Structures are given as C-alpha cells and as structure tokens.
C-alpha atoms as a PDB file:
ATOM      1  CA  MET A   1     104.221 162.633  46.057  1.00  0.00           C
ATOM      2  CA  GLY A   2     105.361 160.901  42.872  1.00  0.00           C
ATOM      3  CA  ILE A   3     107.478 162.384  40.146  1.00  0.00           C
ATOM      4  CA  ASN A   4     104.403 162.735  37.911  1.00  0.00           C
ATOM      5  CA  SER A   5     102.866 165.053  40.496  1.00  0.00           C
ATOM      6  CA  TYR A   6     105.918 167.292  40.316  1.00  0.00           C
ATOM      7  CA  PHE A   7     105.548 167.488  36.538  1.00  0.00           C
ATOM      8  CA  TRP A   8     101.905 168.530  36.852  1.00  0.00           C
ATOM      9  CA  ILE A   9     102.644 171.123  39.519  1.00  0.00           C
ATOM     10  CA  GLY A  10     105.655 172.487  37.642  1.00  0.00           C
ATOM     11  CA  PHE A  11     103.697 172.824  34.408  1.00  0.00           C
ATOM     12  CA  HIS A  12     100.869 174.763  36.079  1.00  0.00           C
ATOM     13  CA  ILE A  13     103.309 177.021  37.944  1.00  0.00           C
ATOM     14  CA  PHE A  14     104.945 177.853  34.604  1.00  0.00           C
ATOM     15  CA  ILE A  15     101.591 178.553  32.906  1.00  0.00           C
ATOM     16  CA  PHE A  16     100.314 180.797  35.698  1.00  0.00           C
ATOM     17  CA  LEU A  17     103.622 182.680  35.863  1.00  0.00           C
ATOM     18  CA  MET A  18     103.390 183.363  32.134  1.00  0.00           C
ATOM     19  CA  LEU A  19      99.783 184.519  32.502  1.00  0.00           C
ATOM     20  CA  ALA A  20     100.745 186.795  35.414  1.00  0.00           C
ATOM     21  CA  LEU A  21     103.645 188.204  33.394  1.00  0.00           C
ATOM     22  CA  ASP A  22     101.370 188.746  30.410  1.00  0.00           C
ATOM     23  CA  LEU A  23      98.590 190.525  32.313  1.00  0.00           C
ATOM     24  CA  GLY A  24     100.624 192.222  35.040  1.00  0.00           C
ATOM     25  CA  VAL A  25     103.554 193.488  32.970  1.00  0.00           C
ATOM     26  CA  PHE A  26     103.064 193.449  29.196  1.00  0.00           C
ATOM     27  CA  HIS A  27      99.322 194.213  29.206  1.00  0.00           C
ATOM     28  CA  LYS A  28      98.950 196.049  32.503  1.00  0.00           C
ATOM     29  CA  HIS A  29      97.226 198.860  30.664  1.00  0.00           C
ATOM     30  CA  ALA A  30      94.533 198.171  28.061  1.00  0.00           C
ATOM     31  CA  HIS A  31      95.788 198.890  24.559  1.00  0.00           C
ATOM     32  CA  LYS A  32      95.323 197.772  20.994  1.00  0.00           C
ATOM     33  CA  VAL A  33      97.708 194.902  20.324  1.00  0.00           C
ATOM     34  CA  PRO A  34      99.778 195.774  17.216  1.00  0.00           C
ATOM     35  CA  VAL A  35     100.488 193.069  14.668  1.00  0.00           C
ATOM     36  CA  LYS A  36     104.234 193.167  15.372  1.00  0.00           C
ATOM     37  CA  GLU A  37     103.693 192.528  19.091  1.00  0.00           C
ATOM     38  CA  ALA A  38     101.226 189.749  18.323  1.00  0.00           C
ATOM     39  CA  ILE A  39     103.671 188.051  15.936  1.00  0.00           C
ATOM     40  CA  ILE A  40     106.435 188.207  18.555  1.00  0.00           C
ATOM     41  CA  TRP A  41     104.180 186.597  21.185  1.00  0.00           C
ATOM     42  CA  THR A  42     103.053 183.982  18.673  1.00  0.00           C
ATOM     43  CA  ILE A  43     106.684 183.056  18.018  1.00  0.00           C
ATOM     44  CA  VAL A  44     107.350 183.019  21.776  1.00  0.00           C
ATOM     45  CA  TRP A  45     104.524 180.563  22.485  1.00  0.00           C
ATOM     46  CA  ILE A  46     105.409 178.300  19.568  1.00  0.00           C
ATOM     47  CA  SER A  47     109.048 178.321  20.713  1.00  0.00           C
ATOM     48  CA  LEU A  48     108.030 177.483  24.289  1.00  0.00           C
ATOM     49  CA  ALA A  49     105.912 174.593  23.010  1.00  0.00           C
ATOM     50  CA  LEU A  50     108.858 173.246  20.989  1.00  0.00           C
ATOM     51  CA  VAL A  51     111.203 173.581  23.973  1.00  0.00           C
ATOM     52  CA  PHE A  52     108.690 171.694  26.096  1.00  0.00           C
ATOM     53  CA  ASN A  53     108.542 169.089  23.327  1.00  0.00           C
ATOM     54  CA  LEU A  54     112.297 168.600  23.747  1.00  0.00           C
ATOM     55  CA  PHE A  55     111.742 168.121  27.473  1.00  0.00           C
ATOM     56  CA  VAL A  56     109.146 165.445  26.706  1.00  0.00           C
ATOM     57  CA  PHE A  57     111.589 163.775  24.307  1.00  0.00           C
ATOM     58  CA  PHE A  58     114.427 163.527  26.838  1.00  0.00           C
ATOM     59  CA  GLU A  59     112.158 162.675  29.768  1.00  0.00           C
ATOM     60  CA  PHE A  60     109.598 160.325  28.204  1.00  0.00           C
ATOM     61  CA  GLY A  61     111.081 159.253  24.875  1.00  0.00           C
ATOM     62  CA  LYS A  62     110.565 159.664  21.136  1.00  0.00           C
ATOM     63  CA  ILE A  63     106.992 158.296  20.911  1.00  0.00           C
ATOM     64  CA  LYS A  64     105.641 160.627  23.606  1.00  0.00           C
ATOM     65  CA  ALA A  65     107.430 163.568  21.996  1.00  0.00           C
ATOM     66  CA  LEU A  66     105.837 162.769  18.620  1.00  0.00           C
ATOM     67  CA  GLU A  67     102.455 162.420  20.293  1.00  0.00           C
ATOM     68  CA  PHE A  68     102.879 165.842  21.916  1.00  0.00           C
ATOM     69  CA  LEU A  69     103.952 167.477  18.653  1.00  0.00           C
ATOM     70  CA  THR A  70     101.120 165.892  16.656  1.00  0.00           C
ATOM     71  CA  GLY A  71      98.578 166.796  19.320  1.00  0.00           C
ATOM     72  CA  TYR A  72      99.897 170.363  19.445  1.00  0.00           C
ATOM     73  CA  VAL A  73      99.679 170.751  15.655  1.00  0.00           C
ATOM     74  CA  ILE A  74      96.101 169.407  15.647  1.00  0.00           C
ATOM     75  CA  GLU A  75      94.935 171.618  18.527  1.00  0.00           C
ATOM     76  CA  TYR A  76      96.727 174.710  17.228  1.00  0.00           C
ATOM     77  CA  SER A  77      95.311 174.302  13.737  1.00  0.00           C
ATOM     78  CA  LEU A  78      91.795 173.620  15.020  1.00  0.00           C
ATOM     79  CA  SER A  79      92.029 176.641  17.313  1.00  0.00           C
ATOM     80  CA  VAL A  80      92.365 178.787  14.185  1.00  0.00           C
ATOM     81  CA  ASP A  81      88.690 178.055  13.571  1.00  0.00           C
ATOM     82  CA  ASN A  82      87.969 179.735  16.912  1.00  0.00           C
ATOM     83  CA  ILE A  83      89.396 182.940  15.478  1.00  0.00           C
ATOM     84  CA  PHE A  84      86.597 183.130  12.900  1.00  0.00           C
ATOM     85  CA  VAL A  85      84.075 183.055  15.744  1.00  0.00           C
ATOM     86  CA  PHE A  86      86.025 185.566  17.864  1.00  0.00           C
ATOM     87  CA  ILE A  87      86.027 188.021  14.964  1.00  0.00           C
ATOM     88  CA  LEU A  88      82.245 187.683  14.574  1.00  0.00           C
ATOM     89  CA  ILE A  89      81.611 188.081  18.315  1.00  0.00           C
ATOM     90  CA  PHE A  90      83.839 191.138  18.692  1.00  0.00           C
ATOM     91  CA  SER A  91      82.317 192.702  15.570  1.00  0.00           C
ATOM     92  CA  TYR A  92      78.744 192.023  16.704  1.00  0.00           C
ATOM     93  CA  PHE A  93      79.294 193.741  20.069  1.00  0.00           C
ATOM     94  CA  ALA A  94      81.615 196.385  18.608  1.00  0.00           C
ATOM     95  CA  VAL A  95      84.258 195.575  21.231  1.00  0.00           C
ATOM     96  CA  LYS A  96      87.109 198.063  21.056  1.00  0.00           C
ATOM     97  CA  ALA A  97      90.505 196.615  20.150  1.00  0.00           C
ATOM     98  CA  GLN A  98      92.086 197.628  23.471  1.00  0.00           C
ATOM     99  CA  TYR A  99      89.646 195.438  25.434  1.00  0.00           C
ATOM    100  CA  GLN A 100      89.829 192.325  23.268  1.00  0.00           C
ATOM    101  CA  HIS A 101      93.035 191.035  24.894  1.00  0.00           C
ATOM    102  CA  LYS A 102      91.443 191.233  28.365  1.00  0.00           C
ATOM    103  CA  ILE A 103      88.482 189.122  27.243  1.00  0.00           C
ATOM    104  CA  LEU A 104      90.701 186.498  25.616  1.00  0.00           C
ATOM    105  CA  PHE A 105      92.933 186.429  28.706  1.00  0.00           C
ATOM    106  CA  TRP A 106      90.100 185.604  31.094  1.00  0.00           C
ATOM    107  CA  GLY A 107      88.626 183.294  28.498  1.00  0.00           C
ATOM    108  CA  ILE A 108      91.809 181.221  28.610  1.00  0.00           C
ATOM    109  CA  LEU A 109      91.537 180.762  32.389  1.00  0.00           C
ATOM    110  CA  GLY A 110      88.075 179.299  31.877  1.00  0.00           C
ATOM    111  CA  ALA A 111      89.376 177.143  29.038  1.00  0.00           C
ATOM    112  CA  LEU A 112      92.091 175.691  31.307  1.00  0.00           C
ATOM    113  CA  ILE A 113      89.419 174.355  33.648  1.00  0.00           C
ATOM    114  CA  MET A 114      86.969 173.153  31.003  1.00  0.00           C
ATOM    115  CA  ARG A 115      89.595 171.448  28.857  1.00  0.00           C
ATOM    116  CA  GLY A 116      91.082 169.752  31.895  1.00  0.00           C
ATOM    117  CA  ILE A 117      87.690 168.293  32.816  1.00  0.00           C
ATOM    118  CA  PHE A 118      87.071 167.162  29.227  1.00  0.00           C
ATOM    119  CA  ILE A 119      90.497 165.535  28.892  1.00  0.00           C
ATOM    120  CA  PHE A 120      90.464 163.637  32.189  1.00  0.00           C
ATOM    121  CA  THR A 121      86.897 162.476  31.565  1.00  0.00           C
ATOM    122  CA  GLY A 122      87.687 161.405  28.005  1.00  0.00           C
ATOM    123  CA  VAL A 123      90.815 159.450  28.954  1.00  0.00           C
ATOM    124  CA  ALA A 124      88.999 157.784  31.849  1.00  0.00           C
ATOM    125  CA  LEU A 125      86.142 156.717  29.575  1.00  0.00           C
ATOM    126  CA  ILE A 126      88.487 155.298  26.918  1.00  0.00           C
ATOM    127  CA  ASN A 127      90.525 153.403  29.501  1.00  0.00           C
ATOM    128  CA  ARG A 128      87.396 151.968  31.119  1.00  0.00           C
ATOM    129  CA  PHE A 129      85.241 151.457  28.017  1.00  0.00           C
ATOM    130  CA  HIS A 130      87.460 150.879  24.975  1.00  0.00           C
ATOM    131  CA  TRP A 131      84.455 150.661  22.663  1.00  0.00           C
ATOM    132  CA  ILE A 132      83.771 154.361  23.251  1.00  0.00           C
ATOM    133  CA  VAL A 133      86.493 155.148  20.684  1.00  0.00           C
ATOM    134  CA  ILE A 134      83.906 154.170  18.063  1.00  0.00           C
ATOM    135  CA  ILE A 135      81.652 156.979  19.309  1.00  0.00           C
ATOM    136  CA  PHE A 136      84.526 159.480  19.454  1.00  0.00           C
ATOM    137  CA  GLY A 137      85.851 158.456  16.043  1.00  0.00           C
ATOM    138  CA  GLY A 138      82.421 158.524  14.407  1.00  0.00           C
ATOM    139  CA  PHE A 139      81.726 161.920  15.968  1.00  0.00           C
ATOM    140  CA  LEU A 140      84.978 163.345  14.550  1.00  0.00           C
ATOM    141  CA  VAL A 141      84.188 162.034  11.063  1.00  0.00           C
ATOM    142  CA  PHE A 142      80.711 163.571  11.344  1.00  0.00           C
ATOM    143  CA  SER A 143      82.184 166.873  12.601  1.00  0.00           C
ATOM    144  CA  GLY A 144      84.656 166.978   9.715  1.00  0.00           C
ATOM    145  CA  ILE A 145      81.925 166.414   7.130  1.00  0.00           C
ATOM    146  CA  ARG A 146      79.686 168.966   8.855  1.00  0.00           C
ATOM    147  CA  MET A 147      82.478 171.557   8.869  1.00  0.00           C
ATOM    148  CA  LEU A 148      83.094 170.886   5.183  1.00  0.00           C
ATOM    149  CA  PHE A 149      79.530 171.764   4.167  1.00  0.00           C
ATOM    150  CA  GLN A 150      78.326 174.172   6.862  1.00  0.00           C
ATOM    151  CA  LYS A 151      77.700 177.824   6.016  1.00  0.00           C
ATOM    152  CA  GLU A 152      79.264 180.814   7.731  1.00  0.00           C
ATOM    153  CA  THR A 153      78.642 180.983  11.470  1.00  0.00           C
ATOM    154  CA  ASP A 154      76.197 183.602  12.737  1.00  0.00           C
ATOM    155  CA  VAL A 155      76.376 185.185  16.169  1.00  0.00           C
ATOM    156  CA  ASP A 156      73.073 185.709  17.963  1.00  0.00           C
ATOM    157  CA  PRO A 157      73.518 186.275  21.717  1.00  0.00           C
ATOM    158  CA  GLU A 158      69.795 185.799  22.344  1.00  0.00           C
ATOM    159  CA  LYS A 159      70.099 182.182  21.164  1.00  0.00           C
ATOM    160  CA  ASN A 160      73.040 181.457  23.460  1.00  0.00           C
ATOM    161  CA  ALA A 161      71.754 179.237  26.302  1.00  0.00           C
ATOM    162  CA  ILE A 162      74.411 180.441  28.775  1.00  0.00           C
ATOM    163  CA  VAL A 163      73.600 184.098  28.112  1.00  0.00           C
ATOM    164  CA  ARG A 164      69.852 183.490  28.489  1.00  0.00           C
ATOM    165  CA  PHE A 165      70.431 181.607  31.745  1.00  0.00           C
ATOM    166  CA  PHE A 166      72.727 184.350  33.086  1.00  0.00           C
ATOM    167  CA  LYS A 167      70.205 187.122  32.342  1.00  0.00           C
ATOM    168  CA  LYS A 168      67.665 185.413  34.619  1.00  0.00           C
ATOM    169  CA  PHE A 169      69.872 186.160  37.621  1.00  0.00           C
ATOM    170  CA  LEU A 170      71.625 189.427  36.810  1.00  0.00           C
ATOM    171  CA  PRO A 171      70.525 192.408  34.675  1.00  0.00           C
ATOM    172  CA  VAL A 172      72.753 193.604  31.860  1.00  0.00           C
ATOM    173  CA  SER A 173      73.464 197.253  31.111  1.00  0.00           C
ATOM    174  CA  HIS A 174      72.695 198.563  27.647  1.00  0.00           C
ATOM    175  CA  ASP A 175      76.027 200.310  27.113  1.00  0.00           C
ATOM    176  CA  MET A 176      79.694 199.380  27.416  1.00  0.00           C
ATOM    177  CA  HIS A 177      81.513 200.843  30.415  1.00  0.00           C
ATOM    178  CA  GLY A 178      85.132 200.814  29.354  1.00  0.00           C
ATOM    179  CA  GLY A 179      86.842 197.558  30.243  1.00  0.00           C
ATOM    180  CA  ASN A 180      84.541 196.765  33.183  1.00  0.00           C
ATOM    181  CA  PHE A 181      82.683 193.469  33.391  1.00  0.00           C
ATOM    182  CA  PHE A 182      80.376 194.707  36.165  1.00  0.00           C
ATOM    183  CA  ILE A 183      79.078 198.104  37.301  1.00  0.00           C
ATOM    184  CA  ILE A 184      76.857 199.419  40.083  1.00  0.00           C
ATOM    185  CA  GLN A 185      74.010 201.747  39.157  1.00  0.00           C
ATOM    186  CA  ASN A 186      71.370 202.964  41.592  1.00  0.00           C
ATOM    187  CA  ASN A 187      72.831 200.633  44.229  1.00  0.00           C
ATOM    188  CA  LYS A 188      72.221 197.670  41.935  1.00  0.00           C
ATOM    189  CA  LEU A 189      74.771 195.350  40.337  1.00  0.00           C
ATOM    190  CA  TYR A 190      74.740 195.100  36.535  1.00  0.00           C
ATOM    191  CA  ALA A 191      76.806 193.037  34.136  1.00  0.00           C
ATOM    192  CA  THR A 192      78.082 194.895  31.092  1.00  0.00           C
ATOM    193  CA  PRO A 193      77.849 193.713  27.471  1.00  0.00           C
ATOM    194  CA  LEU A 194      81.606 193.076  27.763  1.00  0.00           C
ATOM    195  CA  PHE A 195      80.881 190.318  30.288  1.00  0.00           C
ATOM    196  CA  LEU A 196      78.334 188.828  27.883  1.00  0.00           C
ATOM    197  CA  VAL A 197      81.096 188.721  25.277  1.00  0.00           C
ATOM    198  CA  LEU A 198      83.251 186.778  27.740  1.00  0.00           C
ATOM    199  CA  LEU A 199      80.403 184.313  28.373  1.00  0.00           C
ATOM    200  CA  ILE A 200      79.917 183.764  24.644  1.00  0.00           C
ATOM    201  CA  ILE A 201      83.674 183.311  24.122  1.00  0.00           C
ATOM    202  CA  GLU A 202      83.701 180.697  26.904  1.00  0.00           C
ATOM    203  CA  SER A 203      80.669 178.859  25.540  1.00  0.00           C
ATOM    204  CA  SER A 204      82.116 178.836  22.005  1.00  0.00           C
ATOM    205  CA  ASP A 205      85.360 177.369  23.354  1.00  0.00           C
ATOM    206  CA  LEU A 206      83.286 174.708  25.099  1.00  0.00           C
ATOM    207  CA  LEU A 207      81.728 173.766  21.761  1.00  0.00           C
ATOM    208  CA  PHE A 208      85.117 173.678  20.030  1.00  0.00           C
ATOM    209  CA  ALA A 209      86.473 171.477  22.823  1.00  0.00           C
ATOM    210  CA  VAL A 210      83.810 168.910  21.952  1.00  0.00           C
ATOM    211  CA  ASP A 211      85.548 168.504  18.569  1.00  0.00           C
ATOM    212  CA  SER A 212      89.169 169.095  19.510  1.00  0.00           C
ATOM    213  CA  ILE A 213      89.483 166.926  22.629  1.00  0.00           C
ATOM    214  CA  PRO A 214      88.378 163.692  20.879  1.00  0.00           C
ATOM    215  CA  ALA A 215      90.742 164.644  18.024  1.00  0.00           C
ATOM    216  CA  ILE A 216      93.801 164.657  20.258  1.00  0.00           C
ATOM    217  CA  LEU A 217      92.603 161.540  22.110  1.00  0.00           C
ATOM    218  CA  ALA A 218      92.951 159.801  18.749  1.00  0.00           C
ATOM    219  CA  ILE A 219      96.681 160.541  18.981  1.00  0.00           C
ATOM    220  CA  SER A 220      97.406 159.794  22.639  1.00  0.00           C
ATOM    221  CA  HIS A 221      95.695 158.559  25.806  1.00  0.00           C
ATOM    222  CA  ASP A 222      98.382 159.972  28.075  1.00  0.00           C
ATOM    223  CA  ARG A 223      96.703 162.655  30.223  1.00  0.00           C
ATOM    224  CA  PHE A 224      99.883 164.706  30.625  1.00  0.00           C
ATOM    225  CA  ILE A 225     100.655 164.718  26.886  1.00  0.00           C
ATOM    226  CA  VAL A 226      97.063 165.471  25.878  1.00  0.00           C
ATOM    227  CA  TYR A 227      96.605 168.220  28.468  1.00  0.00           C
ATOM    228  CA  THR A 228      99.915 170.021  27.974  1.00  0.00           C
ATOM    229  CA  SER A 229      99.725 170.032  24.162  1.00  0.00           C
ATOM    230  CA  ASN A 230      96.161 171.340  24.414  1.00  0.00           C
ATOM    231  CA  ILE A 231      97.042 174.098  26.866  1.00  0.00           C
ATOM    232  CA  PHE A 232     100.077 175.252  24.859  1.00  0.00           C
ATOM    233  CA  ALA A 233      97.825 175.558  21.803  1.00  0.00           C
ATOM    234  CA  ILE A 234      95.214 177.531  23.775  1.00  0.00           C
ATOM    235  CA  MET A 235      97.852 179.811  25.316  1.00  0.00           C
ATOM    236  CA  GLY A 236      99.109 180.745  21.860  1.00  0.00           C
ATOM    237  CA  LEU A 237      95.624 181.401  20.530  1.00  0.00           C
ATOM    238  CA  ARG A 238      95.362 185.002  21.787  1.00  0.00           C
ATOM    239  CA  SER A 239      98.525 186.226  20.080  1.00  0.00           C
ATOM    240  CA  LEU A 240      97.626 184.248  16.965  1.00  0.00           C
ATOM    241  CA  TYR A 241      94.255 186.010  16.882  1.00  0.00           C
ATOM    242  CA  PHE A 242      95.818 189.471  16.886  1.00  0.00           C
ATOM    243  CA  ALA A 243      98.486 188.375  14.394  1.00  0.00           C
ATOM    244  CA  ILE A 244      96.174 187.052  11.686  1.00  0.00           C
ATOM    245  CA  ALA A 245      92.655 188.349  12.469  1.00  0.00           C
ATOM    246  CA  GLY A 246      93.000 190.969   9.775  1.00  0.00           C
ATOM    247  CA  ILE A 247      94.085 188.503   7.078  1.00  0.00           C
ATOM    248  CA  MET A 248      91.884 185.486   7.864  1.00  0.00           C
ATOM    249  CA  GLY A 249      89.878 186.160   4.700  1.00  0.00           C
ATOM    250  CA  TYR A 250      92.890 185.277   2.575  1.00  0.00           C
ATOM    251  CA  PHE A 251      92.918 181.692   3.905  1.00  0.00           C
ATOM    252  CA  ARG A 252      89.441 180.721   2.723  1.00  0.00           C
ATOM    253  CA  PHE A 253      90.419 177.074   2.089  1.00  0.00           C
ATOM    254  CA  LEU A 254      91.848 176.604   5.586  1.00  0.00           C
ATOM    255  CA  LYS A 255      88.436 175.637   6.946  1.00  0.00           C
ATOM    256  CA  ILE A 256      88.237 172.876   4.336  1.00  0.00           C
ATOM    257  CA  GLY A 257      91.683 171.690   5.429  1.00  0.00           C
ATOM    258  CA  LEU A 258      90.559 171.619   9.067  1.00  0.00           C
ATOM    259  CA  ALA A 259      87.523 169.567   8.053  1.00  0.00           C
ATOM    260  CA  PHE A 260      89.794 166.978   6.433  1.00  0.00           C
ATOM    261  CA  VAL A 261      92.038 166.946   9.530  1.00  0.00           C
ATOM    262  CA  LEU A 262      89.058 166.178  11.768  1.00  0.00           C
ATOM    263  CA  THR A 263      87.868 163.461   9.395  1.00  0.00           C
ATOM    264  CA  PHE A 264      91.339 161.900   9.211  1.00  0.00           C
ATOM    265  CA  VAL A 265      91.855 161.720  12.992  1.00  0.00           C
ATOM    266  CA  GLY A 266      88.344 160.294  13.323  1.00  0.00           C
ATOM    267  CA  LEU A 267      89.185 157.545  10.846  1.00  0.00           C
ATOM    268  CA  LYS A 268      92.482 156.983  12.683  1.00  0.00           C
ATOM    269  CA  MET A 269      90.573 156.436  15.925  1.00  0.00           C
ATOM    270  CA  LEU A 270      88.157 154.001  14.236  1.00  0.00           C
ATOM    271  CA  ALA A 271      91.084 152.130  12.687  1.00  0.00           C
ATOM    272  CA  ALA A 272      92.771 151.837  16.081  1.00  0.00           C
ATOM    273  CA  PHE A 273      89.666 150.080  17.430  1.00  0.00           C
ATOM    274  CA  ILE A 274      90.197 147.222  14.974  1.00  0.00           C
ATOM    275  CA  ASN A 275      93.916 147.145  15.849  1.00  0.00           C
ATOM    276  CA  PHE A 276      95.054 148.932  12.694  1.00  0.00           C
ATOM    277  CA  GLU A 277      97.495 151.521  13.969  1.00  0.00           C
ATOM    278  CA  ILE A 278      98.566 154.402  11.736  1.00  0.00           C
ATOM    279  CA  PRO A 279     102.164 155.302  12.735  1.00  0.00           C
ATOM    280  CA  ILE A 280     102.388 158.594  14.609  1.00  0.00           C
ATOM    281  CA  VAL A 281     105.037 159.940  12.189  1.00  0.00           C
ATOM    282  CA  LEU A 282     102.756 159.229   9.222  1.00  0.00           C
ATOM    283  CA  SER A 283      99.815 160.854  11.012  1.00  0.00           C
ATOM    284  CA  LEU A 284     101.849 164.000  11.702  1.00  0.00           C
ATOM    285  CA  GLY A 285     102.996 164.144   8.067  1.00  0.00           C
ATOM    286  CA  ILE A 286      99.459 163.764   6.710  1.00  0.00           C
ATOM    287  CA  ILE A 287      98.063 166.456   9.020  1.00  0.00           C
ATOM    288  CA  ILE A 288     100.824 168.950   8.155  1.00  0.00           C
ATOM    289  CA  ALA A 289     100.417 168.170   4.432  1.00  0.00           C
ATOM    290  CA  ILE A 290      96.653 168.829   4.584  1.00  0.00           C
ATOM    291  CA  LEU A 291      97.169 172.173   6.316  1.00  0.00           C
ATOM    292  CA  LEU A 292      99.938 173.278   3.931  1.00  0.00           C
ATOM    293  CA  ILE A 293      97.888 172.340   0.856  1.00  0.00           C
ATOM    294  CA  SER A 294      94.863 174.291   2.122  1.00  0.00           C
ATOM    295  CA  ILE A 295      97.017 177.361   2.861  1.00  0.00           C
ATOM    296  CA  LEU A 296      98.801 177.202  -0.509  1.00  0.00           C
ATOM    297  CA  ALA A 297      95.482 176.749  -2.311  1.00  0.00           C
ATOM    298  CA  SER A 298      94.164 179.863  -0.540  1.00  0.00           C
ATOM    299  CA  VAL A 299      97.130 181.857  -1.825  1.00  0.00           C
ATOM    300  CA  VAL A 300      97.321 180.453  -5.370  1.00  0.00           C
ATOM    301  CA  VAL A 301      93.670 180.030  -6.383  1.00  0.00           C
ATOM    302  CA  LYS A 302      91.962 183.264  -7.346  1.00  0.00           C
ATOM    303  CA  GLU A 303      88.989 184.143  -5.181  1.00  0.00           C
ATOM    304  CA  ASP A 304      86.604 186.043  -7.400  1.00  0.00           C
ATOM    305  CA  VAL A 305      86.007 183.940 -10.486  1.00  0.00           C
ATOM    306  CA  LYS A 306      82.746 185.747 -11.194  1.00  0.00           C
ATOM    307  CA  GLU A 307      84.531 189.101 -11.454  1.00  0.00           C
ATOM    308  CA  ASP A 308      86.918 187.634 -14.024  1.00  0.00           C
ATOM    309  CA  VAL A 309      83.956 186.473 -16.107  1.00  0.00           C
ATOM    310  CA  LYS A 310      82.343 189.921 -15.886  1.00  0.00           C
ATOM    311  CA  GLU A 311      85.525 191.615 -17.023  1.00  0.00           C
ATOM    312  CA  LYS A 312      85.743 189.346 -20.056  1.00  0.00           C
ATOM    313  CA  LYS A 313      82.168 190.272 -21.014  1.00  0.00           C
END
C-alpha cells in the first residue's frame, strides 16, 4: 500500500467521522437549524478546508495548495446555486424545517459517490484523450452563457425522470409521515413524499456536477486535489444553506457572477489546450474578484427601480 492510499483512506475516515458526529451527536434529534448554529458550522467547515489546504501545502507544495484553494472556491461558489434549487424543492413539498437537515445529510452521502465517479472518469478521459478538454471547455462556456440568460428554475416532480422511474416500482403515499422515508400500510411498503424530495435533491446535484466537475478539472487534473476540494465544498453546503437561505434574495447578481466564473474557467480550459496557461494565482484572483463584484453589486444597486419611478409620479 503506497503513501497515496493512506491519504485517501485517512481523508475518507475523517469525512465519515465528521458525518457520524454531525448526525449522531449534534443532530440526533430532528430540529430546525437556527441561523447561529448554521453560521458556526459554516465557519467550522471553511476552517477545516483551510487547515487541509495547509496540509496540502506542506505535503505537496505551493502549486497543489493553490490548485486546491482555487478548486474549493469554484466548487463552493457554484454550490450556492444549488441552494436556490433546494429552497424551491423544500417549498414545493412544504418540507418542515426540522426535516430539511436530514434530507441534505443523506443527499451528501449520495453526492460523495456520484462526484467521485464523475471526477475519476473525467480525469481518466483527459489523461487518455487530451482533446476532450475542448469539449469540457466549450461545455463550460455554454453553461455560463446559459446560466446568464436562463429564467428562474421551476420544480415539477412529475417531469423528473428519476422520480417517474421510481414510481414504477414503489407506490408513494399522499401525505408526509414525520421524518420517515418509508412506511408500511396495509402490509404494503410505501415511499413518502420526503423520500421523493431526497431523490430530487440527488438528481439536481447530479445535474450541477455536470457543470462543476469540468470547472474544477480546468484547474487541476490531480484526482486527490479535485476530489478533496469538491467534497469539502459539498460538506459545507448544508450549513451554508441554513445560514443564508433566508437572505438569498438579497444577492440577486450572484447568479450572474457564477455565470461569468463558469465562462472564465471554460475559456481557461480551452486556452490550456493551445498551450496558453493562465497562472493559477491569476485565476484565483479573477474568480474571487468576480464573486466579490457580484455580491457588492447586489448590496449597492437598488432592486426595485420601477417602484422608484412610481413614487416620483
């Protein structure tokens, strides 16, 4: 067993211990996650990611550490877009606040598997077929432009392919049954609408991974760096959701910023194909600048221009 194997095993042991601590101790009983608690956990996960970044720096060097940090910033910022969808899904199904953490917890376990498959497949394809970076880069540019002009996302469970496929094999109860995913009625197994919510959360993360994984592959082709930065971002997503879900409307230009981030990393990947490398420090600076500008614009620019015009009349 090589030293790299120990790193992989150690990282997963740490992640699963944190998940066990989260579910078995801090959220043993279902409850509404207060903003203060969510902010504390958000700070904890960001701090853990930065500490791990120091480990990468001392173990693998400055370049790998910058790649991890840049990848983490990209994945964490793109994961914010997931929050918009989570809010819509939870609102559509009227999921009580005390059960939302449970859904996001199990959703993360599924994300660990799916993202791992995506990352290892993506790195293998790039290493074997270098020209595929053109496809990945072009797709990211297209995704950025699409995000820039697309309208608000609608949630329609009946149009979700995974939900439709699942209903062919197992009936779904009409009502929620507390925090249960499955129930037995009349000696027959039923899934609850809460389990459908979990399926939709998982499928939405799968769609977001299609954008986010190529984005981080534009920064690094190192499986360990790509995977760990991705997982740290996903692990911090739950607490971030509860911390800012109620104020997402104030950051209306953030989505535009994310669109520009996707477009930039897509162009970076295309440039790398023709041997024009954008320095990792410059890439990190540009990405952070885009995000800061979009957040500041959301705070400074007034939202309701029409109301101002009406008041003047």
